[in-house]
Every structure is written in structure tokens, then in C-alpha cells.
Amino acid sequence: MSTSNTPTSFSQLPVAGVGRRLAALVYDALIIMGLLMVYGFVAMLAASAVVGLNCQPDQMDYNPCVSGPLFQLGAVAVIAGYFVWSWRAAGQTIGMRAWRLLLANPEGVQLSWRQCALRALTAPVSLACLGLGYFWAWTRADRASWHDLASDSEVRLLPKKK
């Protein structure tokens, strides 16, 4: 049952604003913190099983246990994996779901793995430049951020469920 006010296609949904997108990112940051805790625990277990832990808890020095390029690369992979998997599987992260945001290409089709990877590479740059990549959306009629432009994607606001 569709009324005349109900959007029938992705292109008819309103474009998501910067505030909503940043709020969803805060929700996702909470999820990421939990994932990184699990990753750190698993990484410490693996390190202790393979090479033994060289931590010095009496000196409060845990760097040998949870530092180094391999550990950091794994942390980046966990973060990127969360976003890429969520975008590819459902077009939404948990934070986007909470704020009723949907990610797709301009035709409303699910993003490809390549588009998700481009978005995951560009979004941190958007944030690292003091959020300029996000706030760029205010200067454009289509409200596209840097990572939207790089990945040829759009974030739309879903209607409230009745």
C-alpha cells in the first residue's frame, strides 16, 4: 500500500545530511572500539602462543605485546573490514541503521567491492582533514562528501517505519 508521499525508489529518498552522517559515525566508533578490544585480545593470545609475550607489567610497558606494524595493520584491517563488509552486505553499518541511512550507487544498486574499498580509503582522509571531506557536502547541491564522490555513491535517509 503506497501513498503519494511515500518514496518508491532510491532516488526519491532525501539525501542524508552531514549531522546525521556524523552521528552514525559516532555509533560506529563504539562498535569499532569493541571490535578492537576483541582483536587486541586475540592478537595477544596469538602472540603469546607463537613467540611468547615480552611484556613488562612491573614497568607498565605493554608495547612489545600490542604494538608494531603487524599489530597496527591488523587493527586497520579490522576497522576497514567492518565498514566494507557492512556496506557491501546491507548498504548500512550499525550506526547507519540506527540513523536510518542507506548507502548505494546513484541508481540505488548495492555498492561493488571496489566502490566499498574506495570509500573506505577516502573516508578517513575526509575525517583527517578536520572533517572537511564531510563538510564539503554543504557546498554541493547533491550533498556529496569526498568519499561519496570517490566511490560514486550516495547516502539517503530512509523513511520512518510506521
C-alpha atoms as a PDB file:
ATOM      1  CA  MET A   1       0.000   0.000   0.000  1.00  0.00           C
ATOM      2  CA  SER A   2       1.724   3.145  -1.223  1.00  0.00           C
ATOM      3  CA  THR A   3       0.642   6.729  -0.776  1.00  0.00           C
ATOM      4  CA  SER A   4       1.694   9.632  -2.945  1.00  0.00           C
ATOM      5  CA  ASN A   5       4.076  10.873  -0.199  1.00  0.00           C
ATOM      6  CA  THR A   6       5.905   7.548   0.126  1.00  0.00           C
ATOM      7  CA  PRO A   7       9.129   7.349  -1.900  1.00  0.00           C
ATOM      8  CA  THR A   8       9.057   4.443  -4.329  1.00  0.00           C
ATOM      9  CA  SER A   9      12.714   4.483  -5.419  1.00  0.00           C
ATOM     10  CA  PHE A  10      16.134   5.234  -4.005  1.00  0.00           C
ATOM     11  CA  SER A  11      16.431   8.481  -5.971  1.00  0.00           C
ATOM     12  CA  GLN A  12      13.238   9.806  -4.376  1.00  0.00           C
ATOM     13  CA  LEU A  13      14.607   9.411  -0.848  1.00  0.00           C
ATOM     14  CA  PRO A  14      16.052  12.603   0.663  1.00  0.00           C
ATOM     15  CA  VAL A  15      19.831  12.932   0.730  1.00  0.00           C
ATOM     16  CA  ALA A  16      21.272  12.441   4.220  1.00  0.00           C
ATOM     17  CA  GLY A  17      22.651  15.490   5.976  1.00  0.00           C
ATOM     18  CA  VAL A  18      26.113  15.885   7.469  1.00  0.00           C
ATOM     19  CA  GLY A  19      24.855  15.864  11.075  1.00  0.00           C
ATOM     20  CA  ARG A  20      23.096  12.528  10.684  1.00  0.00           C
ATOM     21  CA  ARG A  21      26.097  11.014   8.964  1.00  0.00           C
ATOM     22  CA  LEU A  22      28.469  12.140  11.721  1.00  0.00           C
ATOM     23  CA  ALA A  23      26.054  10.862  14.391  1.00  0.00           C
ATOM     24  CA  ALA A  24      26.051   7.461  12.685  1.00  0.00           C
ATOM     25  CA  LEU A  25      29.858   7.578  12.676  1.00  0.00           C
ATOM     26  CA  VAL A  26      29.852   8.109  16.463  1.00  0.00           C
ATOM     27  CA  TYR A  27      27.669   4.991  16.870  1.00  0.00           C
ATOM     28  CA  ASP A  28      30.030   3.067  14.606  1.00  0.00           C
ATOM     29  CA  ALA A  29      33.018   4.262  16.643  1.00  0.00           C
ATOM     30  CA  LEU A  30      31.517   2.486  19.665  1.00  0.00           C
ATOM     31  CA  ILE A  31      31.184  -0.736  17.673  1.00  0.00           C
ATOM     32  CA  ILE A  32      34.748  -0.352  16.390  1.00  0.00           C
ATOM     33  CA  MET A  33      36.094   0.088  19.925  1.00  0.00           C
ATOM     34  CA  GLY A  34      34.515  -3.216  20.882  1.00  0.00           C
ATOM     35  CA  LEU A  35      35.906  -4.937  17.788  1.00  0.00           C
ATOM     36  CA  LEU A  36      39.381  -3.553  18.516  1.00  0.00           C
ATOM     37  CA  MET A  37      39.216  -4.873  22.080  1.00  0.00           C
ATOM     38  CA  VAL A  38      38.415  -8.336  20.776  1.00  0.00           C
ATOM     39  CA  TYR A  39      41.144  -8.003  18.153  1.00  0.00           C
ATOM     40  CA  GLY A  40      43.685  -6.947  20.793  1.00  0.00           C
ATOM     41  CA  PHE A  41      42.769  -9.919  22.978  1.00  0.00           C
ATOM     42  CA  VAL A  42      43.065 -12.356  20.070  1.00  0.00           C
ATOM     43  CA  ALA A  43      46.333 -10.744  18.922  1.00  0.00           C
ATOM     44  CA  MET A  44      47.815 -11.076  22.415  1.00  0.00           C
ATOM     45  CA  LEU A  45      46.732 -14.725  22.601  1.00  0.00           C
ATOM     46  CA  ALA A  46      48.282 -15.393  19.205  1.00  0.00           C
ATOM     47  CA  ALA A  47      51.486 -13.567  20.106  1.00  0.00           C
ATOM     48  CA  SER A  48      51.828 -15.486  23.371  1.00  0.00           C
ATOM     49  CA  ALA A  49      51.235 -18.820  21.628  1.00  0.00           C
ATOM     50  CA  VAL A  50      53.676 -18.146  18.793  1.00  0.00           C
ATOM     51  CA  VAL A  51      56.571 -16.158  20.245  1.00  0.00           C
ATOM     52  CA  GLY A  52      55.720 -15.641  23.896  1.00  0.00           C
ATOM     53  CA  LEU A  53      54.868 -12.312  25.453  1.00  0.00           C
ATOM     54  CA  ASN A  54      57.692  -9.955  26.234  1.00  0.00           C
ATOM     55  CA  CYS A  55      55.533  -7.605  28.275  1.00  0.00           C
ATOM     56  CA  GLN A  56      56.941  -5.964  31.357  1.00  0.00           C
ATOM     57  CA  PRO A  57      53.876  -5.329  33.521  1.00  0.00           C
ATOM     58  CA  ASP A  58      56.000  -4.343  36.514  1.00  0.00           C
ATOM     59  CA  GLN A  59      57.228  -1.390  34.461  1.00  0.00           C
ATOM     60  CA  MET A  60      53.770  -0.807  32.924  1.00  0.00           C
ATOM     61  CA  ASP A  61      55.257  -1.461  29.477  1.00  0.00           C
ATOM     62  CA  TYR A  62      52.872  -3.378  27.227  1.00  0.00           C
ATOM     63  CA  ASN A  63      54.299  -2.051  23.950  1.00  0.00           C
ATOM     64  CA  PRO A  64      56.072  -5.279  22.999  1.00  0.00           C
ATOM     65  CA  CYS A  65      52.707  -7.067  23.259  1.00  0.00           C
ATOM     66  CA  VAL A  66      50.413  -4.711  21.388  1.00  0.00           C
ATOM     67  CA  SER A  67      52.479  -2.564  19.084  1.00  0.00           C
ATOM     68  CA  GLY A  68      54.428  -2.804  15.914  1.00  0.00           C
ATOM     69  CA  PRO A  69      53.451  -2.575  12.272  1.00  0.00           C
ATOM     70  CA  LEU A  70      51.838  -6.015  12.098  1.00  0.00           C
ATOM     71  CA  PHE A  71      49.534  -5.293  15.030  1.00  0.00           C
ATOM     72  CA  GLN A  72      48.632  -1.860  13.624  1.00  0.00           C
ATOM     73  CA  LEU A  73      47.997  -3.279  10.170  1.00  0.00           C
ATOM     74  CA  GLY A  74      45.636  -5.796  11.743  1.00  0.00           C
ATOM     75  CA  ALA A  75      43.782  -3.015  13.580  1.00  0.00           C
ATOM     76  CA  VAL A  76      43.355  -1.083  10.319  1.00  0.00           C
ATOM     77  CA  ALA A  77      42.104  -4.266   8.652  1.00  0.00           C
ATOM     78  CA  VAL A  78      39.527  -4.759  11.426  1.00  0.00           C
ATOM     79  CA  ILE A  79      38.233  -1.196  11.030  1.00  0.00           C
ATOM     80  CA  ALA A  80      38.164  -1.277   7.221  1.00  0.00           C
ATOM     81  CA  GLY A  81      36.671  -4.758   7.253  1.00  0.00           C
ATOM     82  CA  TYR A  82      33.784  -3.629   9.460  1.00  0.00           C
ATOM     83  CA  PHE A  83      32.857  -0.807   7.120  1.00  0.00           C
ATOM     84  CA  VAL A  84      33.447  -2.622   3.827  1.00  0.00           C
ATOM     85  CA  TRP A  85      31.562  -5.742   4.945  1.00  0.00           C
ATOM     86  CA  SER A  86      28.638  -3.690   6.294  1.00  0.00           C
ATOM     87  CA  TRP A  87      28.371  -1.512   3.195  1.00  0.00           C
ATOM     88  CA  ARG A  88      28.629  -4.458   0.835  1.00  0.00           C
ATOM     89  CA  ALA A  89      26.310  -6.788   2.747  1.00  0.00           C
ATOM     90  CA  ALA A  90      23.486  -4.417   3.672  1.00  0.00           C
ATOM     91  CA  GLY A  91      24.339  -0.913   2.455  1.00  0.00           C
ATOM     92  CA  GLN A  92      24.407   0.128   6.110  1.00  0.00           C
ATOM     93  CA  THR A  93      26.624  -0.060   9.163  1.00  0.00           C
ATOM     94  CA  ILE A  94      25.033  -0.444  12.583  1.00  0.00           C
ATOM     95  CA  GLY A  95      25.265   3.315  13.106  1.00  0.00           C
ATOM     96  CA  MET A  96      23.696   3.989   9.720  1.00  0.00           C
ATOM     97  CA  ARG A  97      20.875   1.609  10.582  1.00  0.00           C
ATOM     98  CA  ALA A  98      20.200   3.466  13.839  1.00  0.00           C
ATOM     99  CA  TRP A  99      20.023   6.787  11.974  1.00  0.00           C
ATOM    100  CA  ARG A 100      18.012   5.339   9.036  1.00  0.00           C
ATOM    101  CA  LEU A 101      20.737   5.898   6.435  1.00  0.00           C
ATOM    102  CA  LEU A 102      21.190   3.791   3.320  1.00  0.00           C
ATOM    103  CA  LEU A 103      24.242   3.696   1.069  1.00  0.00           C
ATOM    104  CA  ALA A 104      24.009   2.752  -2.612  1.00  0.00           C
ATOM    105  CA  ASN A 105      25.129   3.940  -6.018  1.00  0.00           C
ATOM    106  CA  PRO A 106      23.058   6.708  -7.686  1.00  0.00           C
ATOM    107  CA  GLU A 107      20.784   4.099  -9.308  1.00  0.00           C
ATOM    108  CA  GLY A 108      20.031   2.556  -5.902  1.00  0.00           C
ATOM    109  CA  VAL A 109      22.110  -0.570  -6.526  1.00  0.00           C
ATOM    110  CA  GLN A 110      24.300  -2.149  -3.839  1.00  0.00           C
ATOM    111  CA  LEU A 111      27.928  -0.972  -3.944  1.00  0.00           C
ATOM    112  CA  SER A 112      30.582  -3.190  -5.503  1.00  0.00           C
ATOM    113  CA  TRP A 113      33.610  -4.380  -3.525  1.00  0.00           C
ATOM    114  CA  ARG A 114      35.696  -1.818  -5.427  1.00  0.00           C
ATOM    115  CA  GLN A 115      33.363   1.048  -4.508  1.00  0.00           C
ATOM    116  CA  CYS A 116      33.396  -0.053  -0.857  1.00  0.00           C
ATOM    117  CA  ALA A 117      37.202  -0.174  -0.855  1.00  0.00           C
ATOM    118  CA  LEU A 118      37.458   3.292  -2.440  1.00  0.00           C
ATOM    119  CA  ARG A 119      35.033   4.645   0.122  1.00  0.00           C
ATOM    120  CA  ALA A 120      36.960   3.012   2.983  1.00  0.00           C
ATOM    121  CA  LEU A 121      40.211   4.568   1.724  1.00  0.00           C
ATOM    122  CA  THR A 122      38.769   8.046   1.178  1.00  0.00           C
ATOM    123  CA  ALA A 123      36.559   8.423   4.276  1.00  0.00           C
ATOM    124  CA  PRO A 124      39.464   8.570   6.767  1.00  0.00           C
ATOM    125  CA  VAL A 125      41.031  11.325   4.662  1.00  0.00           C
ATOM    126  CA  SER A 126      37.717  13.209   4.781  1.00  0.00           C
ATOM    127  CA  LEU A 127      37.780  12.972   8.554  1.00  0.00           C
ATOM    128  CA  ALA A 128      41.527  13.580   8.986  1.00  0.00           C
ATOM    129  CA  CYS A 129      41.261  16.965   7.253  1.00  0.00           C
ATOM    130  CA  LEU A 130      39.291  18.209  10.273  1.00  0.00           C
ATOM    131  CA  GLY A 131      36.096  16.840   8.734  1.00  0.00           C
ATOM    132  CA  LEU A 132      36.452  18.941   5.594  1.00  0.00           C
ATOM    133  CA  GLY A 133      35.513  15.977   3.393  1.00  0.00           C
ATOM    134  CA  TYR A 134      32.216  15.666   5.262  1.00  0.00           C
ATOM    135  CA  PHE A 135      31.525  19.405   5.466  1.00  0.00           C
ATOM    136  CA  TRP A 136      32.202  19.635   1.725  1.00  0.00           C
ATOM    137  CA  ALA A 137      28.664  18.297   1.353  1.00  0.00           C
ATOM    138  CA  TRP A 138      27.299  21.668   2.495  1.00  0.00           C
ATOM    139  CA  THR A 139      28.811  23.322  -0.583  1.00  0.00           C
ATOM    140  CA  ARG A 140      27.160  20.963  -3.063  1.00  0.00           C
ATOM    141  CA  ALA A 141      23.561  20.722  -4.181  1.00  0.00           C
ATOM    142  CA  ASP A 142      23.715  16.911  -4.167  1.00  0.00           C
ATOM    143  CA  ARG A 143      25.201  16.889  -0.614  1.00  0.00           C
ATOM    144  CA  ALA A 144      28.063  14.592  -1.694  1.00  0.00           C
ATOM    145  CA  SER A 145      31.115  14.242   0.536  1.00  0.00           C
ATOM    146  CA  TRP A 146      34.590  13.399  -0.737  1.00  0.00           C
ATOM    147  CA  HIS A 147      34.118   9.687  -0.189  1.00  0.00           C
ATOM    148  CA  ASP A 148      30.726   9.776  -1.939  1.00  0.00           C
ATOM    149  CA  LEU A 149      32.385  11.357  -4.967  1.00  0.00           C
ATOM    150  CA  ALA A 150      35.366   8.979  -4.945  1.00  0.00           C
ATOM    151  CA  SER A 151      33.180   5.868  -4.724  1.00  0.00           C
ATOM    152  CA  ASP A 152      30.275   7.115  -6.867  1.00  0.00           C
ATOM    153  CA  SER A 153      27.824   6.509  -4.040  1.00  0.00           C
ATOM    154  CA  GLU A 154      25.042   8.312  -2.213  1.00  0.00           C
ATOM    155  CA  VAL A 155      23.732   8.217   1.338  1.00  0.00           C
ATOM    156  CA  ARG A 156      19.970   8.612   1.575  1.00  0.00           C
ATOM    157  CA  LEU A 157      17.597   8.971   4.502  1.00  0.00           C
ATOM    158  CA  LEU A 158      15.097   6.159   4.849  1.00  0.00           C
ATOM    159  CA  PRO A 159      11.516   6.945   5.901  1.00  0.00           C
ATOM    160  CA  LYS A 160      10.350   6.175   9.432  1.00  0.00           C
ATOM    161  CA  LYS A 161       8.642   2.829   9.911  1.00  0.00           C
ATOM    162  CA  LYS A 162       5.003   3.039  10.926  1.00  0.00           C
END
